[in-house]
Each structure stands twice: as structure tokens, then as C-alpha cells.
Amino acid sequence: MRPRSLTGFIFKIIAKISFSYNYDNIKIMRYLGIDYGAKRVGLSLSDEEGKMAFPYKIISNNLELSDAIHNICGEEEVSAIVLGESHDLSGTPNKIMGSIEEFKRNLEGELDLPIYFEKEFMTSIFARGNIGKKGNDARKNKKEKSVKIDDSAAALILQRYLDRINNK
């Protein structure tokens, strides 16, 4: 079917070129954020453009951890991993950092994905922020249930990384 006018024809050509151009330039880069802990591991995912981080899930730190992360990376089409780097208040690596580095080496051996470190300083405190003073009190008695915020902490780690790389 022929367009009624030259203007209509030109508009259709421009629309096709514009759509094709925009579609081809969409960058899909999904990141997996990890807040590694001795008992639990918090996970977060970015949107497909690698701009926003969202809490995803909390999994147990056990022998199936690497397999679970491998499966998530496949299912969610993850392009890169951001792993929380743990330091104390003076900036020195803390006790768990050795385990985190070993975990990173193991993941690098199993996955063909880049893995980046991002400082996780105070992310658990910030993730608990909406709970209030009682939720942030480190001296909980054993009867109180602690709120699991590992996935939210992972989202904060990942968001820091995304903000840093997207604001170059």
C-alpha cells in the first residue's frame, strides 16, 4: 500500500530508522549483587539496563551456595557479579574477608562472568534503617527474632556500584 503523500512516506521511513536505532542501542547488563555472610548470603539483582538494584533473595551459606548462584546467573541472564568487600571501621579487611576472597576465586573458576568488589561498609545498618533503634540494637536477647535484611544489604552494595559506574 502506497502512502498518500511524500510526507507520510518520509515519516514512515524515519519511524522505522528511529525504532531500529533505539532498539539496537539498548544495553542489557544485568548484575547480581552479593552480601556474603558466614550463615546467610543476601542476593540482589539489577534491572536489565544496570541502573537500579533490587533485593532478590536470601540463601543459606552451605555446600550448595555456588550451584545456587550458578543457576540464578543462568535463569536471570546475569552479565556480571558485584560482591561486597568487608572492612572494619579503620578500613582493614575484617575476619570474613578471607572467606569472601576464597568465595570469589571459586566463583571465577566456575562462572565465565566478571566479578567486581564493592565496599559493603555499613550496608546492614542502612538496610535496617526503617526498623528503628530497636532493630539496630546489636544486643538482642535470644527470644527476639532478628529481621533478615541480607538481600536489602546486597541491593545497597549493588546500587553503590551501579551509581559509581553509571556516573563516570
Protein backbone atom coordinates (compact mmCIF):
# COMPACT_ATOMS: atom_id res chain seq x y z
CA MET A 1 0.00 0.00 0.00
CA ARG A 2 1.41 3.40 -1.03
CA PRO A 3 1.46 6.33 1.37
CA ARG A 4 -0.89 9.17 0.43
CA SER A 5 1.85 11.77 0.41
CA LEU A 6 5.60 12.18 0.36
CA THR A 7 5.44 13.49 3.94
CA GLY A 8 3.69 10.29 5.08
CA PHE A 9 6.28 8.18 3.28
CA ILE A 10 9.18 10.08 4.88
CA PHE A 11 7.54 9.83 8.31
CA LYS A 12 7.26 6.03 7.98
CA ILE A 13 10.93 5.73 6.95
CA ILE A 14 12.08 7.91 9.86
CA ALA A 15 9.94 5.92 12.31
CA LYS A 16 11.47 2.65 11.11
CA ILE A 17 15.03 4.00 11.31
CA SER A 18 14.38 5.55 14.72
CA PHE A 19 12.91 2.33 16.14
CA SER A 20 15.71 0.23 14.70
CA TYR A 21 18.35 2.64 16.04
CA ASN A 22 16.86 2.76 19.53
CA TYR A 23 16.34 -0.98 19.72
CA ASP A 24 19.88 -1.80 18.64
CA ASN A 25 21.40 0.55 21.21
CA ILE A 26 19.60 -0.81 24.27
CA LYS A 27 22.31 -2.14 26.52
CA ILE A 28 21.25 -5.19 28.50
CA MET A 29 23.52 -5.62 31.50
CA ARG A 30 22.01 -7.39 34.50
CA TYR A 31 24.11 -7.53 37.65
CA LEU A 32 23.89 -9.86 40.63
CA GLY A 33 24.83 -8.27 43.96
CA ILE A 34 26.08 -10.49 46.79
CA ASP A 35 26.30 -9.74 50.51
CA TYR A 36 28.35 -12.73 51.72
CA GLY A 37 27.86 -13.86 55.31
CA ALA A 38 29.02 -16.85 57.30
CA LYS A 39 25.44 -18.17 57.72
CA ARG A 40 23.41 -16.41 55.04
CA VAL A 41 24.09 -14.79 51.69
CA GLY A 42 21.95 -11.90 50.50
CA LEU A 43 21.36 -11.52 46.78
CA SER A 44 20.12 -8.61 44.71
CA LEU A 45 19.52 -8.09 41.00
CA SER A 46 19.72 -5.02 38.85
CA ASP A 47 17.26 -4.08 36.18
CA GLU A 48 18.24 -5.01 32.61
CA GLU A 49 19.87 -1.64 31.98
CA GLY A 50 22.11 -1.92 35.04
CA LYS A 51 20.73 1.24 36.68
CA MET A 52 18.69 0.10 39.70
CA ALA A 53 19.27 -2.65 42.27
CA PHE A 54 16.51 -4.65 43.95
CA PRO A 55 16.59 -7.21 46.79
CA TYR A 56 16.25 -10.69 45.30
CA LYS A 57 16.57 -13.44 47.91
CA ILE A 58 18.46 -14.77 50.90
CA ILE A 59 20.07 -18.20 50.70
CA SER A 60 21.94 -20.31 53.22
CA ASN A 61 25.71 -20.37 53.07
CA ASN A 62 26.20 -24.10 52.64
CA LEU A 63 27.70 -26.55 50.16
CA GLU A 64 25.02 -25.73 47.57
CA LEU A 65 25.77 -21.98 47.55
CA SER A 66 27.89 -21.96 44.38
CA ASP A 67 25.39 -24.13 42.50
CA ALA A 68 22.52 -21.87 43.56
CA ILE A 69 24.37 -18.76 42.36
CA HIS A 70 25.32 -20.50 39.11
CA ASN A 71 21.64 -21.36 38.49
CA ILE A 72 20.47 -17.82 39.32
CA CYS A 73 23.02 -16.35 36.91
CA GLY A 74 21.64 -18.56 34.14
CA GLU A 75 17.96 -18.06 34.93
CA GLU A 76 18.24 -14.29 35.33
CA GLU A 77 20.75 -13.78 32.48
CA VAL A 78 23.32 -12.14 34.74
CA SER A 79 26.22 -10.41 32.95
CA ALA A 80 28.41 -9.58 35.96
CA ILE A 81 28.58 -10.06 39.73
CA VAL A 82 29.24 -7.44 42.40
CA LEU A 83 30.49 -8.87 45.68
CA GLY A 84 30.57 -6.96 48.95
CA GLU A 85 34.07 -6.22 50.20
CA SER A 86 34.13 -6.30 54.01
CA HIS A 87 36.35 -3.98 56.07
CA ASP A 88 36.27 -2.71 59.65
CA LEU A 89 35.97 0.94 60.71
CA SER A 90 39.70 1.56 60.15
CA GLY A 91 39.49 0.25 56.58
CA THR A 92 41.31 -3.00 57.35
CA PRO A 93 39.84 -6.23 55.94
CA ASN A 94 37.85 -7.93 58.70
CA LYS A 95 37.64 -11.61 59.67
CA ILE A 96 35.21 -12.66 56.95
CA MET A 97 37.14 -11.01 54.09
CA GLY A 98 39.37 -14.08 53.67
CA SER A 99 36.26 -16.22 53.13
CA ILE A 100 34.87 -13.65 50.68
CA GLU A 101 38.10 -13.70 48.64
CA GLU A 102 38.06 -17.51 48.56
CA PHE A 103 34.39 -17.45 47.52
CA LYS A 104 35.25 -15.01 44.71
CA ARG A 105 38.07 -17.25 43.45
CA ASN A 106 35.74 -20.26 43.45
CA LEU A 107 33.03 -18.36 41.54
CA GLU A 108 35.57 -17.11 38.99
CA GLY A 109 36.62 -20.72 38.39
CA GLU A 110 33.02 -21.87 37.90
CA LEU A 111 31.45 -18.95 36.06
CA ASP A 112 32.58 -17.12 32.97
CA LEU A 113 31.48 -13.75 34.38
CA PRO A 114 33.37 -10.73 35.64
CA ILE A 115 33.22 -10.34 39.42
CA TYR A 116 33.80 -6.93 41.00
CA PHE A 117 34.28 -5.89 44.61
CA GLU A 118 32.30 -3.03 46.13
CA LYS A 119 32.69 -1.86 49.71
CA GLU A 120 29.89 -3.06 51.95
CA PHE A 121 30.61 -0.65 54.78
CA MET A 122 27.51 -0.08 56.95
CA THR A 123 25.08 -1.65 54.43
CA SER A 124 23.46 -3.87 57.07
CA ILE A 125 22.87 -0.85 59.31
CA PHE A 126 21.37 1.13 56.43
CA ALA A 127 19.25 -1.86 55.35
CA ARG A 128 17.76 -2.00 58.85
CA GLY A 129 17.13 1.76 58.75
CA ASN A 130 13.35 1.51 58.59
CA ILE A 131 13.17 -0.81 61.58
CA GLY A 132 14.20 1.88 64.03
CA LYS A 133 16.53 1.92 67.04
CA LYS A 134 15.35 -1.38 68.49
CA GLY A 135 16.00 -3.18 65.18
CA ASN A 136 19.54 -1.82 65.05
CA ASP A 137 20.43 -2.78 68.62
CA ALA A 138 23.28 -5.30 68.47
CA ARG A 139 22.42 -6.60 71.98
CA LYS A 140 19.28 -8.54 71.12
CA ASN A 141 18.13 -11.16 73.56
CA LYS A 142 17.75 -14.69 72.22
CA LYS A 143 13.94 -14.59 72.28
CA GLU A 144 13.79 -11.70 69.80
CA LYS A 145 13.71 -12.66 66.18
CA SER A 146 16.24 -10.83 64.11
CA VAL A 147 14.94 -9.41 60.87
CA LYS A 148 16.69 -10.84 57.82
CA ILE A 149 17.98 -7.94 55.74
CA ASP A 150 20.78 -9.63 53.80
CA ASP A 151 19.06 -9.18 50.42
CA SER A 152 18.49 -5.48 51.15
CA ALA A 153 22.15 -5.09 52.13
CA ALA A 154 23.10 -6.79 48.84
CA ALA A 155 20.89 -4.29 46.99
CA LEU A 156 22.68 -1.39 48.71
CA ILE A 157 26.09 -2.84 47.74
CA LEU A 158 24.97 -3.31 44.15
CA GLN A 159 23.37 0.16 43.98
CA ARG A 160 26.62 1.78 45.16
CA TYR A 161 28.47 0.00 42.38
CA LEU A 162 25.87 0.92 39.74
CA ASP A 163 25.84 4.57 40.81
CA ARG A 164 29.63 4.69 40.61
CA ILE A 165 29.92 3.14 37.13
CA ASN A 166 26.93 4.98 35.66
CA ASN A 167 28.11 8.40 36.86
CA LYS A 168 31.55 8.33 35.27
